[in-house]
Amino acid sequence: MSVTINGQTYYRTVEVCRIVDISKSTLFRWLKQGILNECKCRDRRGWRLFTRDEIDGLKREVNQINKAGGL
């Protein structure tokens, strides 16, 4: 379930993984390896919140990996 803060819609990790069609472990690995930039916002529990622009960037990264892997 997305959350709106100051007029901006944010998506939680589970939603992002579902939208982009990757596992949470893949997302966290890419963040740890620096393949993806860390998201700019977290909720009060410290959980990552992603904007639509960040999700679009993640989709582009997934597409580049798919092309390179021949998928």
PDB file of N, CA and C in Angstrom:
ATOM      1  N   MET A   1       0.843  -1.176   0.000  1.00  0.00           N
ATOM      2  CA  MET A   1       0.000   0.000   0.000  1.00  0.00           C
ATOM      3  C   MET A   1       0.888   1.239   0.000  1.00  0.00           C
ATOM      4  N   SER A   2       0.672   2.098  -0.944  1.00  0.00           N
ATOM      5  CA  SER A   2       1.468   3.320  -1.041  1.00  0.00           C
ATOM      6  C   SER A   2       1.046   4.294   0.059  1.00  0.00           C
ATOM      7  N   VAL A   3       1.910   5.244   0.324  1.00  0.00           N
ATOM      8  CA  VAL A   3       1.659   6.253   1.339  1.00  0.00           C
ATOM      9  C   VAL A   3       1.954   7.612   0.723  1.00  0.00           C
ATOM     10  N   THR A   4       1.159   8.614   1.085  1.00  0.00           N
ATOM     11  CA  THR A   4       1.366   9.968   0.571  1.00  0.00           C
ATOM     12  C   THR A   4       1.861  10.860   1.704  1.00  0.00           C
ATOM     13  N   ILE A   5       2.977  11.524   1.447  1.00  0.00           N
ATOM     14  CA  ILE A   5       3.573  12.442   2.412  1.00  0.00           C
ATOM     15  C   ILE A   5       3.805  13.764   1.703  1.00  0.00           C
ATOM     16  N   ASN A   6       3.222  14.826   2.230  1.00  0.00           N
ATOM     17  CA  ASN A   6       3.360  16.163   1.636  1.00  0.00           C
ATOM     18  C   ASN A   6       3.053  16.160   0.142  1.00  0.00           C
ATOM     19  N   GLY A   7       2.024  15.431  -0.251  1.00  0.00           N
ATOM     20  CA  GLY A   7       1.596  15.408  -1.640  1.00  0.00           C
ATOM     21  C   GLY A   7       2.386  14.472  -2.544  1.00  0.00           C
ATOM     22  N   GLN A   8       3.421  13.835  -2.033  1.00  0.00           N
ATOM     23  CA  GLN A   8       4.254  12.909  -2.807  1.00  0.00           C
ATOM     24  C   GLN A   8       3.867  11.478  -2.452  1.00  0.00           C
ATOM     25  N   THR A   9       3.653  10.637  -3.453  1.00  0.00           N
ATOM     26  CA  THR A   9       3.325   9.236  -3.216  1.00  0.00           C
ATOM     27  C   THR A   9       4.602   8.414  -3.141  1.00  0.00           C
ATOM     28  N   TYR A  10       4.687   7.601  -2.111  1.00  0.00           N
ATOM     29  CA  TYR A  10       5.830   6.722  -1.894  1.00  0.00           C
ATOM     30  C   TYR A  10       5.342   5.278  -1.852  1.00  0.00           C
ATOM     31  N   TYR A  11       6.219   4.369  -2.258  1.00  0.00           N
ATOM     32  CA  TYR A  11       5.912   2.944  -2.293  1.00  0.00           C
ATOM     33  C   TYR A  11       6.894   2.205  -1.406  1.00  0.00           C
ATOM     34  N   ARG A  12       6.386   1.224  -0.685  1.00  0.00           N
ATOM     35  CA  ARG A  12       7.227   0.412   0.195  1.00  0.00           C
ATOM     36  C   ARG A  12       7.958  -0.654  -0.621  1.00  0.00           C
ATOM     37  N   THR A  13       8.965  -1.236   0.001  1.00  0.00           N
ATOM     38  CA  THR A  13       9.833  -2.199  -0.662  1.00  0.00           C
ATOM     39  C   THR A  13       9.069  -3.345  -1.320  1.00  0.00           C
ATOM     40  N   VAL A  14       8.118  -3.924  -0.618  1.00  0.00           N
ATOM     41  CA  VAL A  14       7.355  -5.053  -1.167  1.00  0.00           C
ATOM     42  C   VAL A  14       6.620  -4.641  -2.436  1.00  0.00           C
ATOM     43  N   GLU A  15       6.028  -3.442  -2.414  1.00  0.00           N
ATOM     44  CA  GLU A  15       5.311  -2.958  -3.604  1.00  0.00           C
ATOM     45  C   GLU A  15       6.266  -2.734  -4.761  1.00  0.00           C
ATOM     46  N   VAL A  16       7.405  -2.154  -4.476  1.00  0.00           N
ATOM     47  CA  VAL A  16       8.398  -1.877  -5.514  1.00  0.00           C
ATOM     48  C   VAL A  16       8.862  -3.175  -6.165  1.00  0.00           C
ATOM     49  N   CYS A  17       9.144  -4.165  -5.351  1.00  0.00           N
ATOM     50  CA  CYS A  17       9.603  -5.457  -5.877  1.00  0.00           C
ATOM     51  C   CYS A  17       8.525  -6.098  -6.749  1.00  0.00           C
ATOM     52  N   ARG A  18       7.275  -5.968  -6.340  1.00  0.00           N
ATOM     53  CA  ARG A  18       6.182  -6.519  -7.135  1.00  0.00           C
ATOM     54  C   ARG A  18       6.036  -5.773  -8.455  1.00  0.00           C
ATOM     55  N   ILE A  19       6.139  -4.454  -8.419  1.00  0.00           N
ATOM     56  CA  ILE A  19       6.004  -3.635  -9.625  1.00  0.00           C
ATOM     57  C   ILE A  19       7.117  -3.950 -10.625  1.00  0.00           C
ATOM     58  N   VAL A  20       8.335  -4.071 -10.119  1.00  0.00           N
ATOM     59  CA  VAL A  20       9.513  -4.260 -10.966  1.00  0.00           C
ATOM     60  C   VAL A  20       9.764  -5.739 -11.274  1.00  0.00           C
ATOM     61  N   ASP A  21       9.148  -6.611 -10.513  1.00  0.00           N
ATOM     62  CA  ASP A  21       9.267  -8.062 -10.681  1.00  0.00           C
ATOM     63  C   ASP A  21      10.666  -8.574 -10.342  1.00  0.00           C
ATOM     64  N   ILE A  22      11.138  -8.171  -9.154  1.00  0.00           N
ATOM     65  CA  ILE A  22      12.374  -8.716  -8.597  1.00  0.00           C
ATOM     66  C   ILE A  22      12.096  -9.102  -7.149  1.00  0.00           C
ATOM     67  N   SER A  23      12.974  -9.896  -6.569  1.00  0.00           N
ATOM     68  CA  SER A  23      12.816 -10.287  -5.168  1.00  0.00           C
ATOM     69  C   SER A  23      13.387  -9.200  -4.257  1.00  0.00           C
ATOM     70  N   LYS A  24      12.966  -9.247  -2.987  1.00  0.00           N
ATOM     71  CA  LYS A  24      13.513  -8.301  -2.023  1.00  0.00           C
ATOM     72  C   LYS A  24      15.007  -8.516  -1.849  1.00  0.00           C
ATOM     73  N   SER A  25      15.442  -9.758  -1.870  1.00  0.00           N
ATOM     74  CA  SER A  25      16.874 -10.022  -1.698  1.00  0.00           C
ATOM     75  C   SER A  25      17.681  -9.421  -2.845  1.00  0.00           C
ATOM     76  N   THR A  26      17.139  -9.461  -4.060  1.00  0.00           N
ATOM     77  CA  THR A  26      17.822  -8.841  -5.202  1.00  0.00           C
ATOM     78  C   THR A  26      17.905  -7.333  -5.010  1.00  0.00           C
ATOM     79  N   LEU A  27      16.805  -6.718  -4.617  1.00  0.00           N
ATOM     80  CA  LEU A  27      16.798  -5.267  -4.386  1.00  0.00           C
ATOM     81  C   LEU A  27      17.828  -4.889  -3.335  1.00  0.00           C
ATOM     82  N   PHE A  28      17.828  -5.592  -2.200  1.00  0.00           N
ATOM     83  CA  PHE A  28      18.763  -5.267  -1.129  1.00  0.00           C
ATOM     84  C   PHE A  28      20.212  -5.517  -1.548  1.00  0.00           C
ATOM     85  N   ARG A  29      20.452  -6.566  -2.329  1.00  0.00           N
ATOM     86  CA  ARG A  29      21.807  -6.843  -2.824  1.00  0.00           C
ATOM     87  C   ARG A  29      22.289  -5.713  -3.729  1.00  0.00           C
ATOM     88  N   TRP A  30      21.419  -5.280  -4.650  1.00  0.00           N
ATOM     89  CA  TRP A  30      21.794  -4.188  -5.555  1.00  0.00           C
ATOM     90  C   TRP A  30      22.056  -2.899  -4.793  1.00  0.00           C
ATOM     91  N   LEU A  31      21.273  -2.623  -3.759  1.00  0.00           N
ATOM     92  CA  LEU A  31      21.510  -1.430  -2.942  1.00  0.00           C
ATOM     93  C   LEU A  31      22.852  -1.538  -2.228  1.00  0.00           C
ATOM     94  N   LYS A  32      23.134  -2.702  -1.664  1.00  0.00           N
ATOM     95  CA  LYS A  32      24.392  -2.921  -0.937  1.00  0.00           C
ATOM     96  C   LYS A  32      25.597  -2.821  -1.859  1.00  0.00           C
ATOM     97  N   GLN A  33      25.459  -3.330  -3.082  1.00  0.00           N
ATOM     98  CA  GLN A  33      26.562  -3.307  -4.038  1.00  0.00           C
ATOM     99  C   GLN A  33      26.717  -1.959  -4.729  1.00  0.00           C
ATOM    100  N   GLY A  34      25.789  -1.042  -4.496  1.00  0.00           N
ATOM    101  CA  GLY A  34      25.864   0.275  -5.117  1.00  0.00           C
ATOM    102  C   GLY A  34      25.367   0.301  -6.550  1.00  0.00           C
ATOM    103  N   ILE A  35      24.727  -0.781  -6.996  1.00  0.00           N
ATOM    104  CA  ILE A  35      24.154  -0.805  -8.347  1.00  0.00           C
ATOM    105  C   ILE A  35      23.008   0.190  -8.430  1.00  0.00           C
ATOM    106  N   LEU A  36      22.275   0.317  -7.332  1.00  0.00           N
ATOM    107  CA  LEU A  36      21.188   1.292  -7.230  1.00  0.00           C
ATOM    108  C   LEU A  36      21.544   2.307  -6.164  1.00  0.00           C
ATOM    109  N   ASN A  37      21.075   3.528  -6.358  1.00  0.00           N
ATOM    110  CA  ASN A  37      21.249   4.546  -5.331  1.00  0.00           C
ATOM    111  C   ASN A  37      20.262   4.285  -4.207  1.00  0.00           C
ATOM    112  N   GLU A  38      20.684   4.559  -3.001  1.00  0.00           N
ATOM    113  CA  GLU A  38      19.809   4.400  -1.846  1.00  0.00           C
ATOM    114  C   GLU A  38      18.631   5.368  -1.980  1.00  0.00           C
ATOM    115  N   CYS A  39      17.462   4.920  -1.578  1.00  0.00           N
ATOM    116  CA  CYS A  39      16.287   5.785  -1.654  1.00  0.00           C
ATOM    117  C   CYS A  39      16.468   6.964  -0.694  1.00  0.00           C
ATOM    118  N   LYS A  40      15.768   8.035  -0.972  1.00  0.00           N
ATOM    119  CA  LYS A  40      15.957   9.270  -0.225  1.00  0.00           C
ATOM    120  C   LYS A  40      15.059   9.392   0.989  1.00  0.00           C
ATOM    121  N   CYS A  41      14.057   8.538   1.096  1.00  0.00           N
ATOM    122  CA  CYS A  41      13.077   8.696   2.166  1.00  0.00           C
ATOM    123  C   CYS A  41      12.849   7.371   2.888  1.00  0.00           C
ATOM    124  N   ARG A  42      12.639   7.470   4.179  1.00  0.00           N
ATOM    125  CA  ARG A  42      12.288   6.312   5.005  1.00  0.00           C
ATOM    126  C   ARG A  42      11.126   6.702   5.912  1.00  0.00           C
ATOM    127  N   ASP A  43      10.357   5.699   6.310  1.00  0.00           N
ATOM    128  CA  ASP A  43       9.253   5.987   7.220  1.00  0.00           C
ATOM    129  C   ASP A  43       9.763   5.989   8.663  1.00  0.00           C
ATOM    130  N   ARG A  44       8.871   6.164   9.604  1.00  0.00           N
ATOM    131  CA  ARG A  44       9.277   6.289  11.015  1.00  0.00           C
ATOM    132  C   ARG A  44       9.925   5.015  11.551  1.00  0.00           C
ATOM    133  N   ARG A  45       9.676   3.879  10.909  1.00  0.00           N
ATOM    134  CA  ARG A  45      10.290   2.609  11.315  1.00  0.00           C
ATOM    135  C   ARG A  45      11.648   2.401  10.654  1.00  0.00           C
ATOM    136  N   GLY A  46      12.021   3.298   9.735  1.00  0.00           N
ATOM    137  CA  GLY A  46      13.280   3.162   9.025  1.00  0.00           C
ATOM    138  C   GLY A  46      13.166   2.389   7.728  1.00  0.00           C
ATOM    139  N   TRP A  47      11.952   2.017   7.362  1.00  0.00           N
ATOM    140  CA  TRP A  47      11.745   1.276   6.120  1.00  0.00           C
ATOM    141  C   TRP A  47      11.863   2.203   4.928  1.00  0.00           C
ATOM    142  N   ARG A  48      12.432   1.708   3.868  1.00  0.00           N
ATOM    143  CA  ARG A  48      12.633   2.489   2.653  1.00  0.00           C
ATOM    144  C   ARG A  48      11.298   2.830   1.992  1.00  0.00           C
ATOM    145  N   LEU A  49      11.233   4.055   1.471  1.00  0.00           N
ATOM    146  CA  LEU A  49      10.084   4.506   0.699  1.00  0.00           C
ATOM    147  C   LEU A  49      10.610   5.015  -0.637  1.00  0.00           C
ATOM    148  N   PHE A  50      10.035   4.534  -1.717  1.00  0.00           N
ATOM    149  CA  PHE A  50      10.503   4.849  -3.061  1.00  0.00           C
ATOM    150  C   PHE A  50       9.487   5.708  -3.795  1.00  0.00           C
ATOM    151  N   THR A  51       9.974   6.695  -4.536  1.00  0.00           N
ATOM    152  CA  THR A  51       9.105   7.508  -5.384  1.00  0.00           C
ATOM    153  C   THR A  51       8.893   6.792  -6.719  1.00  0.00           C
ATOM    154  N   ARG A  52       7.957   7.271  -7.496  1.00  0.00           N
ATOM    155  CA  ARG A  52       7.712   6.708  -8.826  1.00  0.00           C
ATOM    156  C   ARG A  52       8.958   6.877  -9.699  1.00  0.00           C
ATOM    157  N   ASP A  53       9.667   7.993  -9.572  1.00  0.00           N
ATOM    158  CA  ASP A  53      10.901   8.202 -10.351  1.00  0.00           C
ATOM    159  C   ASP A  53      11.958   7.158  -9.993  1.00  0.00           C
ATOM    160  N   GLU A  54      12.082   6.845  -8.705  1.00  0.00           N
ATOM    161  CA  GLU A  54      13.049   5.827  -8.288  1.00  0.00           C
ATOM    162  C   GLU A  54      12.648   4.449  -8.819  1.00  0.00           C
ATOM    163  N   ILE A  55      11.355   4.171  -8.836  1.00  0.00           N
ATOM    164  CA  ILE A  55      10.876   2.904  -9.390  1.00  0.00           C
ATOM    165  C   ILE A  55      11.172   2.832 -10.877  1.00  0.00           C
ATOM    166  N   ASP A  56      10.949   3.936 -11.591  1.00  0.00           N
ATOM    167  CA  ASP A  56      11.244   3.962 -13.028  1.00  0.00           C
ATOM    168  C   ASP A  56      12.729   3.714 -13.284  1.00  0.00           C
ATOM    169  N   GLY A  57      13.594   4.286 -12.449  1.00  0.00           N
ATOM    170  CA  GLY A  57      15.029   4.039 -12.569  1.00  0.00           C
ATOM    171  C   GLY A  57      15.377   2.588 -12.313  1.00  0.00           C
ATOM    172  N   LEU A  58      14.703   1.988 -11.362  1.00  0.00           N
ATOM    173  CA  LEU A  58      14.906   0.576 -11.067  1.00  0.00           C
ATOM    174  C   LEU A  58      14.467  -0.290 -12.242  1.00  0.00           C
ATOM    175  N   LYS A  59      13.354   0.070 -12.859  1.00  0.00           N
ATOM    176  CA  LYS A  59      12.886  -0.666 -14.048  1.00  0.00           C
ATOM    177  C   LYS A  59      13.915  -0.589 -15.170  1.00  0.00           C
ATOM    178  N   ARG A  60      14.500   0.595 -15.361  1.00  0.00           N
ATOM    179  CA  ARG A  60      15.530   0.738 -16.399  1.00  0.00           C
ATOM    180  C   ARG A  60      16.723  -0.164 -16.096  1.00  0.00           C
ATOM    181  N   GLU A  61      17.116  -0.234 -14.836  1.00  0.00           N
ATOM    182  CA  GLU A  61      18.238  -1.088 -14.440  1.00  0.00           C
ATOM    183  C   GLU A  61      17.914  -2.557 -14.705  1.00  0.00           C
ATOM    184  N   VAL A  62      16.711  -2.974 -14.360  1.00  0.00           N
ATOM    185  CA  VAL A  62      16.297  -4.360 -14.607  1.00  0.00           C
ATOM    186  C   VAL A  62      16.324  -4.656 -16.103  1.00  0.00           C
ATOM    187  N   ASN A  63      15.847  -3.721 -16.922  1.00  0.00           N
ATOM    188  CA  ASN A  63      15.846  -3.917 -18.380  1.00  0.00           C
ATOM    189  C   ASN A  63      17.268  -4.035 -18.919  1.00  0.00           C
ATOM    190  N   GLN A  64      18.211  -3.257 -18.380  1.00  0.00           N
ATOM    191  CA  GLN A  64      19.597  -3.356 -18.834  1.00  0.00           C
ATOM    192  C   GLN A  64      20.192  -4.711 -18.476  1.00  0.00           C
ATOM    193  N   ILE A  65      19.873  -5.187 -17.296  1.00  0.00           N
ATOM    194  CA  ILE A  65      20.382  -6.493 -16.875  1.00  0.00           C
ATOM    195  C   ILE A  65      19.781  -7.589 -17.725  1.00  0.00           C
ATOM    196  N   ASN A  66      18.475  -7.504 -18.011  1.00  0.00           N
ATOM    197  CA  ASN A  66      17.814  -8.509 -18.855  1.00  0.00           C
ATOM    198  C   ASN A  66      18.428  -8.537 -20.250  1.00  0.00           C
ATOM    199  N   LYS A  67      18.704  -7.357 -20.826  1.00  0.00           N
ATOM    200  CA  LYS A  67      19.299  -7.294 -22.152  1.00  0.00           C
ATOM    201  C   LYS A  67      20.701  -7.879 -22.151  1.00  0.00           C
ATOM    202  N   ALA A  68      21.473  -7.548 -21.107  1.00  0.00           N
ATOM    203  CA  ALA A  68      22.849  -8.045 -21.028  1.00  0.00           C
ATOM    204  C   ALA A  68      22.876  -9.558 -20.812  1.00  0.00           C
ATOM    205  N   GLY A  69      21.876 -10.068 -20.096  1.00  0.00           N
ATOM    206  CA  GLY A  69      21.827 -11.496 -19.819  1.00  0.00           C
ATOM    207  C   GLY A  69      21.161 -12.306 -20.899  1.00  0.00           C
ATOM    208  N   GLY A  70      20.639 -11.626 -21.909  1.00  0.00           N
ATOM    209  CA  GLY A  70      20.005 -12.314 -23.005  1.00  0.00           C
ATOM    210  C   GLY A  70      18.620 -12.845 -22.684  1.00  0.00           C
ATOM    211  N   LEU A  71      18.009 -12.275 -21.653  1.00  0.00           N
ATOM    212  CA  LEU A  71      16.662 -12.737 -21.276  1.00  0.00           C
ATOM    213  C   LEU A  71      15.591 -12.059 -22.103  1.00  0.00           C
TER     214      LEU A  71
END
